[in-house]
Amino acid sequence: YNSFKIRKKNGGFREINAPLEELKGIQ
């Protein structure tokens, strides 16, 4: 997984855990 944060409208952050391609393909 590749983890990162994106800014929300209210000014906070949402954490995203995105799978790498070899796992994403299975999902």
PDB file of all heavy atoms in Angstrom:
ATOM      1  N   TYR A   1       0.838  -1.201   0.000  1.00  0.00           N
ATOM      2  CA  TYR A   1       0.000   0.000   0.000  1.00  0.00           C
ATOM      3  C   TYR A   1       0.874   1.253   0.000  1.00  0.00           C
ATOM      4  O   TYR A   1       1.955   1.269   0.572  1.00  0.00           O
ATOM      5  CB  TYR A   1      -0.917   0.027   1.231  1.00  0.00           C
ATOM      6  CG  TYR A   1      -2.151  -0.823   1.078  1.00  0.00           C
ATOM      7  CD1 TYR A   1      -2.120  -2.189   1.380  1.00  0.00           C
ATOM      8  CD2 TYR A   1      -3.359  -0.288   0.622  1.00  0.00           C
ATOM      9  CE1 TYR A   1      -3.249  -2.975   1.242  1.00  0.00           C
ATOM     10  CE2 TYR A   1      -4.484  -1.068   0.483  1.00  0.00           C
ATOM     11  CZ  TYR A   1      -4.431  -2.404   0.796  1.00  0.00           C
ATOM     12  OH  TYR A   1      -5.545  -3.181   0.647  1.00  0.00           O
ATOM     13  N   ASN A   2       0.336   2.281  -0.641  1.00  0.00           N
ATOM     14  CA  ASN A   2       0.947   3.604  -0.615  1.00  0.00           C
ATOM     15  C   ASN A   2      -0.004   4.527   0.141  1.00  0.00           C
ATOM     16  O   ASN A   2      -1.148   4.732  -0.272  1.00  0.00           O
ATOM     17  CB  ASN A   2       1.166   4.114  -2.042  1.00  0.00           C
ATOM     18  CG  ASN A   2       1.762   5.503  -2.081  1.00  0.00           C
ATOM     19  OD1 ASN A   2       2.495   5.897  -1.177  1.00  0.00           O
ATOM     20  ND2 ASN A   2       1.431   6.260  -3.124  1.00  0.00           N
ATOM     21  N   SER A   3       0.425   5.072   1.262  1.00  0.00           N
ATOM     22  CA  SER A   3      -0.438   5.901   2.103  1.00  0.00           C
ATOM     23  C   SER A   3      -0.101   7.383   1.924  1.00  0.00           C
ATOM     24  O   SER A   3       1.065   7.753   1.876  1.00  0.00           O
ATOM     25  CB  SER A   3      -0.290   5.506   3.576  1.00  0.00           C
ATOM     26  OG  SER A   3      -0.668   4.151   3.771  1.00  0.00           O
ATOM     27  N   PHE A   4      -1.151   8.198   1.830  1.00  0.00           N
ATOM     28  CA  PHE A   4      -0.965   9.644   1.714  1.00  0.00           C
ATOM     29  C   PHE A   4      -2.224  10.337   2.216  1.00  0.00           C
ATOM     30  O   PHE A   4      -3.261   9.701   2.453  1.00  0.00           O
ATOM     31  CB  PHE A   4      -0.664  10.052   0.267  1.00  0.00           C
ATOM     32  CG  PHE A   4      -1.703   9.591  -0.729  1.00  0.00           C
ATOM     33  CD1 PHE A   4      -2.768  10.404  -1.078  1.00  0.00           C
ATOM     34  CD2 PHE A   4      -1.604   8.331  -1.313  1.00  0.00           C
ATOM     35  CE1 PHE A   4      -3.722   9.985  -1.990  1.00  0.00           C
ATOM     36  CE2 PHE A   4      -2.558   7.895  -2.230  1.00  0.00           C
ATOM     37  CZ  PHE A   4      -3.609   8.725  -2.573  1.00  0.00           C
ATOM     38  N   LYS A   5      -2.160  11.643   2.366  1.00  0.00           N
ATOM     39  CA  LYS A   5      -3.290  12.409   2.866  1.00  0.00           C
ATOM     40  C   LYS A   5      -3.732  13.436   1.828  1.00  0.00           C
ATOM     41  O   LYS A   5      -2.907  14.003   1.118  1.00  0.00           O
ATOM     42  CB  LYS A   5      -2.916  13.116   4.179  1.00  0.00           C
ATOM     43  CG  LYS A   5      -2.670  12.163   5.341  1.00  0.00           C
ATOM     44  CD  LYS A   5      -2.339  12.927   6.619  1.00  0.00           C
ATOM     45  CE  LYS A   5      -2.126  11.955   7.775  1.00  0.00           C
ATOM     46  NZ  LYS A   5      -1.815  12.672   9.042  1.00  0.00           N
ATOM     47  N   ILE A   6      -5.044  13.649   1.773  1.00  0.00           N
ATOM     48  CA  ILE A   6      -5.586  14.692   0.901  1.00  0.00           C
ATOM     49  C   ILE A   6      -6.393  15.669   1.760  1.00  0.00           C
ATOM     50  O   ILE A   6      -7.004  15.285   2.747  1.00  0.00           O
ATOM     51  CB  ILE A   6      -6.463  14.114  -0.230  1.00  0.00           C
ATOM     52  CG1 ILE A   6      -7.632  13.301   0.350  1.00  0.00           C
ATOM     53  CG2 ILE A   6      -5.639  13.247  -1.160  1.00  0.00           C
ATOM     54  CD1 ILE A   6      -8.618  12.835  -0.707  1.00  0.00           C
ATOM     55  N   ARG A   7      -6.368  16.914   1.345  1.00  0.00           N
ATOM     56  CA  ARG A   7      -7.053  17.952   2.122  1.00  0.00           C
ATOM     57  C   ARG A   7      -8.564  17.866   1.926  1.00  0.00           C
ATOM     58  O   ARG A   7      -9.054  17.698   0.798  1.00  0.00           O
ATOM     59  CB  ARG A   7      -6.558  19.330   1.708  1.00  0.00           C
ATOM     60  CG  ARG A   7      -7.091  20.464   2.585  1.00  0.00           C
ATOM     61  CD  ARG A   7      -6.529  21.792   2.115  1.00  0.00           C
ATOM     62  NE  ARG A   7      -5.094  21.871   2.322  1.00  0.00           N
ATOM     63  CZ  ARG A   7      -4.531  22.205   3.472  1.00  0.00           C
ATOM     64  NH1 ARG A   7      -5.280  22.477   4.522  1.00  0.00           N
ATOM     65  NH2 ARG A   7      -3.223  22.261   3.573  1.00  0.00           N
ATOM     66  N   LYS A   8      -9.325  17.975   3.000  1.00  0.00           N
ATOM     67  CA  LYS A   8     -10.780  17.982   2.950  1.00  0.00           C
ATOM     68  C   LYS A   8     -11.283  19.425   2.883  1.00  0.00           C
ATOM     69  O   LYS A   8     -10.546  20.378   3.136  1.00  0.00           O
ATOM     70  CB  LYS A   8     -11.359  17.283   4.188  1.00  0.00           C
ATOM     71  CG  LYS A   8     -11.010  15.807   4.273  1.00  0.00           C
ATOM     72  CD  LYS A   8     -11.863  15.083   5.295  1.00  0.00           C
ATOM     73  CE  LYS A   8     -11.475  15.448   6.708  1.00  0.00           C
ATOM     74  NZ  LYS A   8     -12.198  14.605   7.720  1.00  0.00           N
ATOM     75  N   LYS A   9     -12.558  19.583   2.511  1.00  0.00           N
ATOM     76  CA  LYS A   9     -13.136  20.924   2.368  1.00  0.00           C
ATOM     77  C   LYS A   9     -13.115  21.697   3.675  1.00  0.00           C
ATOM     78  O   LYS A   9     -13.007  22.923   3.680  1.00  0.00           O
ATOM     79  CB  LYS A   9     -14.570  20.808   1.843  1.00  0.00           C
ATOM     80  CG  LYS A   9     -14.665  20.332   0.398  1.00  0.00           C
ATOM     81  CD  LYS A   9     -16.107  20.277  -0.052  1.00  0.00           C
ATOM     82  CE  LYS A   9     -16.208  19.794  -1.503  1.00  0.00           C
ATOM     83  NZ  LYS A   9     -17.620  19.712  -1.951  1.00  0.00           N
ATOM     84  N   ASN A  10     -13.241  20.969   4.788  1.00  0.00           N
ATOM     85  CA  ASN A  10     -13.290  21.652   6.081  1.00  0.00           C
ATOM     86  C   ASN A  10     -11.906  22.026   6.606  1.00  0.00           C
ATOM     87  O   ASN A  10     -11.763  22.524   7.718  1.00  0.00           O
ATOM     88  CB  ASN A  10     -14.020  20.787   7.107  1.00  0.00           C
ATOM     89  CG  ASN A  10     -13.308  19.457   7.370  1.00  0.00           C
ATOM     90  OD1 ASN A  10     -12.178  19.243   6.931  1.00  0.00           O
ATOM     91  ND2 ASN A  10     -13.975  18.558   8.078  1.00  0.00           N
ATOM     92  N   GLY A  11     -10.869  21.758   5.810  1.00  0.00           N
ATOM     93  CA  GLY A  11      -9.517  22.126   6.191  1.00  0.00           C
ATOM     94  C   GLY A  11      -8.710  21.002   6.796  1.00  0.00           C
ATOM     95  O   GLY A  11      -7.491  21.101   6.928  1.00  0.00           O
ATOM     96  N   GLY A  12      -9.369  19.902   7.170  1.00  0.00           N
ATOM     97  CA  GLY A  12      -8.659  18.747   7.708  1.00  0.00           C
ATOM     98  C   GLY A  12      -8.073  17.891   6.605  1.00  0.00           C
ATOM     99  O   GLY A  12      -8.033  18.282   5.427  1.00  0.00           O
ATOM    100  N   PHE A  13      -7.628  16.695   6.975  1.00  0.00           N
ATOM    101  CA  PHE A  13      -7.032  15.789   5.996  1.00  0.00           C
ATOM    102  C   PHE A  13      -7.699  14.413   6.081  1.00  0.00           C
ATOM    103  O   PHE A  13      -8.124  13.970   7.155  1.00  0.00           O
ATOM    104  CB  PHE A  13      -5.523  15.631   6.248  1.00  0.00           C
ATOM    105  CG  PHE A  13      -4.739  16.872   5.928  1.00  0.00           C
ATOM    106  CD1 PHE A  13      -4.522  17.846   6.890  1.00  0.00           C
ATOM    107  CD2 PHE A  13      -4.234  17.065   4.644  1.00  0.00           C
ATOM    108  CE1 PHE A  13      -3.803  18.989   6.597  1.00  0.00           C
ATOM    109  CE2 PHE A  13      -3.512  18.203   4.346  1.00  0.00           C
ATOM    110  CZ  PHE A  13      -3.293  19.172   5.316  1.00  0.00           C
ATOM    111  N   ARG A  14      -7.800  13.761   4.928  1.00  0.00           N
ATOM    112  CA  ARG A  14      -8.307  12.396   4.842  1.00  0.00           C
ATOM    113  C   ARG A  14      -7.161  11.486   4.419  1.00  0.00           C
ATOM    114  O   ARG A  14      -6.466  11.765   3.441  1.00  0.00           O
ATOM    115  CB  ARG A  14      -9.450  12.305   3.845  1.00  0.00           C
ATOM    116  CG  ARG A  14      -9.965  10.879   3.642  1.00  0.00           C
ATOM    117  CD  ARG A  14     -11.121  10.813   2.663  1.00  0.00           C
ATOM    118  NE  ARG A  14     -12.329  11.379   3.248  1.00  0.00           N
ATOM    119  CZ  ARG A  14     -12.886  12.527   2.895  1.00  0.00           C
ATOM    120  NH1 ARG A  14     -12.298  13.263   1.945  1.00  0.00           N
ATOM    121  NH2 ARG A  14     -13.974  12.976   3.463  1.00  0.00           N
ATOM    122  N   GLU A  15      -6.963  10.415   5.171  1.00  0.00           N
ATOM    123  CA  GLU A  15      -5.880   9.481   4.834  1.00  0.00           C
ATOM    124  C   GLU A  15      -6.361   8.466   3.809  1.00  0.00           C
ATOM    125  O   GLU A  15      -7.402   7.829   3.976  1.00  0.00           O
ATOM    126  CB  GLU A  15      -5.381   8.755   6.080  1.00  0.00           C
ATOM    127  CG  GLU A  15      -4.175   7.865   5.787  1.00  0.00           C
ATOM    128  CD  GLU A  15      -3.504   7.315   7.025  1.00  0.00           C
ATOM    129  OE1 GLU A  15      -3.840   7.781   8.137  1.00  0.00           O
ATOM    130  OE2 GLU A  15      -2.649   6.442   6.878  1.00  0.00           O
ATOM    131  N   ILE A  16      -5.591   8.325   2.764  1.00  0.00           N
ATOM    132  CA  ILE A  16      -5.886   7.375   1.693  1.00  0.00           C
ATOM    133  C   ILE A  16      -4.827   6.282   1.703  1.00  0.00           C
ATOM    134  O   ILE A  16      -3.623   6.574   1.730  1.00  0.00           O
ATOM    135  CB  ILE A  16      -5.905   8.068   0.312  1.00  0.00           C
ATOM    136  CG1 ILE A  16      -6.933   9.205   0.297  1.00  0.00           C
ATOM    137  CG2 ILE A  16      -6.199   7.051  -0.785  1.00  0.00           C
ATOM    138  CD1 ILE A  16      -8.362   8.787   0.484  1.00  0.00           C
ATOM    139  N   ASN A  17      -5.268   5.043   1.700  1.00  0.00           N
ATOM    140  CA  ASN A  17      -4.358   3.901   1.596  1.00  0.00           C
ATOM    141  C   ASN A  17      -4.630   3.214   0.263  1.00  0.00           C
ATOM    142  O   ASN A  17      -5.598   2.458   0.124  1.00  0.00           O
ATOM    143  CB  ASN A  17      -4.588   2.937   2.766  1.00  0.00           C
ATOM    144  CG  ASN A  17      -4.278   3.582   4.104  1.00  0.00           C
ATOM    145  OD1 ASN A  17      -3.165   4.007   4.352  1.00  0.00           O
ATOM    146  ND2 ASN A  17      -5.279   3.682   4.967  1.00  0.00           N
ATOM    147  N   ALA A  18      -3.801   3.513  -0.722  1.00  0.00           N
ATOM    148  CA  ALA A  18      -4.011   3.020  -2.080  1.00  0.00           C
ATOM    149  C   ALA A  18      -3.128   1.797  -2.337  1.00  0.00           C
ATOM    150  O   ALA A  18      -1.906   1.861  -2.131  1.00  0.00           O
ATOM    151  CB  ALA A  18      -3.691   4.116  -3.088  1.00  0.00           C
ATOM    152  N   PRO A  19      -3.710   0.696  -2.789  1.00  0.00           N
ATOM    153  CA  PRO A  19      -2.913  -0.508  -3.055  1.00  0.00           C
ATOM    154  C   PRO A  19      -2.005  -0.329  -4.263  1.00  0.00           C
ATOM    155  O   PRO A  19      -2.346   0.393  -5.207  1.00  0.00           O
ATOM    156  CB  PRO A  19      -3.980  -1.579  -3.324  1.00  0.00           C
ATOM    157  CG  PRO A  19      -5.150  -0.813  -3.830  1.00  0.00           C
ATOM    158  CD  PRO A  19      -5.136   0.497  -3.100  1.00  0.00           C
ATOM    159  N   LEU A  20      -0.843  -0.981  -4.224  1.00  0.00           N
ATOM    160  CA  LEU A  20       0.030  -1.006  -5.394  1.00  0.00           C
ATOM    161  C   LEU A  20      -0.599  -1.874  -6.473  1.00  0.00           C
ATOM    162  O   LEU A  20      -1.486  -2.680  -6.206  1.00  0.00           O
ATOM    163  CB  LEU A  20       1.412  -1.540  -5.001  1.00  0.00           C
ATOM    164  CG  LEU A  20       2.149  -0.758  -3.899  1.00  0.00           C
ATOM    165  CD1 LEU A  20       3.534  -1.375  -3.652  1.00  0.00           C
ATOM    166  CD2 LEU A  20       2.270   0.719  -4.261  1.00  0.00           C
ATOM    167  N   GLU A  21      -0.113  -1.729  -7.690  1.00  0.00           N
ATOM    168  CA  GLU A  21      -0.794  -2.320  -8.839  1.00  0.00           C
ATOM    169  C   GLU A  21      -0.964  -3.831  -8.737  1.00  0.00           C
ATOM    170  O   GLU A  21      -1.999  -4.372  -9.135  1.00  0.00           O
ATOM    171  CB  GLU A  21      -0.045  -1.958 -10.129  1.00  0.00           C
ATOM    172  CG  GLU A  21      -0.866  -2.164 -11.390  1.00  0.00           C
ATOM    173  CD  GLU A  21      -2.176  -1.378 -11.374  1.00  0.00           C
ATOM    174  OE1 GLU A  21      -2.160  -0.190 -11.017  1.00  0.00           O
ATOM    175  OE2 GLU A  21      -3.206  -1.991 -11.715  1.00  0.00           O
ATOM    176  N   GLU A  22       0.038  -4.547  -8.203  1.00  0.00           N
ATOM    177  CA  GLU A  22      -0.078  -6.011  -8.164  1.00  0.00           C
ATOM    178  C   GLU A  22      -1.201  -6.465  -7.233  1.00  0.00           C
ATOM    179  O   GLU A  22      -1.807  -7.517  -7.460  1.00  0.00           O
ATOM    180  CB  GLU A  22       1.250  -6.644  -7.741  1.00  0.00           C
ATOM    181  CG  GLU A  22       1.843  -6.112  -6.441  1.00  0.00           C
ATOM    182  CD  GLU A  22       3.267  -6.602  -6.236  1.00  0.00           C
ATOM    183  OE1 GLU A  22       3.527  -7.798  -6.429  1.00  0.00           O
ATOM    184  OE2 GLU A  22       4.138  -5.771  -5.897  1.00  0.00           O
ATOM    185  N   LEU A  23      -1.503  -5.700  -6.212  1.00  0.00           N
ATOM    186  CA  LEU A  23      -2.637  -6.018  -5.342  1.00  0.00           C
ATOM    187  C   LEU A  23      -3.923  -5.410  -5.882  1.00  0.00           C
ATOM    188  O   LEU A  23      -4.989  -6.032  -5.804  1.00  0.00           O
ATOM    189  CB  LEU A  23      -2.371  -5.503  -3.930  1.00  0.00           C
ATOM    190  CG  LEU A  23      -3.507  -5.677  -2.907  1.00  0.00           C
ATOM    191  CD1 LEU A  23      -3.887  -7.145  -2.745  1.00  0.00           C
ATOM    192  CD2 LEU A  23      -3.129  -5.071  -1.571  1.00  0.00           C
ATOM    193  N   LYS A  24      -3.826  -4.204  -6.433  1.00  0.00           N
ATOM    194  CA  LYS A  24      -5.010  -3.534  -6.953  1.00  0.00           C
ATOM    195  C   LYS A  24      -5.682  -4.363  -8.046  1.00  0.00           C
ATOM    196  O   LYS A  24      -6.911  -4.425  -8.130  1.00  0.00           O
ATOM    197  CB  LYS A  24      -4.642  -2.154  -7.512  1.00  0.00           C
ATOM    198  CG  LYS A  24      -5.850  -1.329  -7.948  1.00  0.00           C
ATOM    199  CD  LYS A  24      -5.438  -0.046  -8.648  1.00  0.00           C
ATOM    200  CE  LYS A  24      -4.801   0.932  -7.704  1.00  0.00           C
ATOM    201  NZ  LYS A  24      -4.525   2.234  -8.369  1.00  0.00           N
ATOM    202  N   GLY A  25      -4.880  -5.028  -8.887  1.00  0.00           N
ATOM    203  CA  GLY A  25      -5.440  -5.862  -9.942  1.00  0.00           C
ATOM    204  C   GLY A  25      -6.296  -6.999  -9.380  1.00  0.00           C
ATOM    205  O   GLY A  25      -7.358  -7.321  -9.918  1.00  0.00           O
ATOM    206  N   ILE A  26      -5.838  -7.598  -8.285  1.00  0.00           N
ATOM    207  CA  ILE A  26      -6.599  -8.677  -7.643  1.00  0.00           C
ATOM    208  C   ILE A  26      -7.879  -8.112  -7.037  1.00  0.00           C
ATOM    209  O   ILE A  26      -8.961  -8.701  -7.160  1.00  0.00           O
ATOM    210  CB  ILE A  26      -5.738  -9.351  -6.554  1.00  0.00           C
ATOM    211  CG1 ILE A  26      -4.510 -10.013  -7.187  1.00  0.00           C
ATOM    212  CG2 ILE A  26      -6.563 -10.387  -5.785  1.00  0.00           C
ATOM    213  CD1 ILE A  26      -3.527 -10.589  -6.173  1.00  0.00           C
ATOM    214  N   GLN A  27      -7.792  -6.953  -6.390  1.00  0.00           N
ATOM    215  CA  GLN A  27      -8.965  -6.333  -5.784  1.00  0.00           C
ATOM    216  C   GLN A  27      -9.995  -5.938  -6.845  1.00  0.00           C
ATOM    217  O   GLN A  27     -11.204  -6.093  -6.633  1.00  0.00           O
ATOM    218  CB  GLN A  27      -8.546  -5.107  -4.977  1.00  0.00           C
ATOM    219  CG  GLN A  27      -7.753  -5.443  -3.728  1.00  0.00           C
ATOM    220  CD  GLN A  27      -7.251  -4.206  -3.001  1.00  0.00           C
ATOM    221  OE1 GLN A  27      -7.199  -3.115  -3.583  1.00  0.00           O
ATOM    222  NE2 GLN A  27      -6.867  -4.363  -1.740  1.00  0.00           N
TER     223      GLN A  27
END
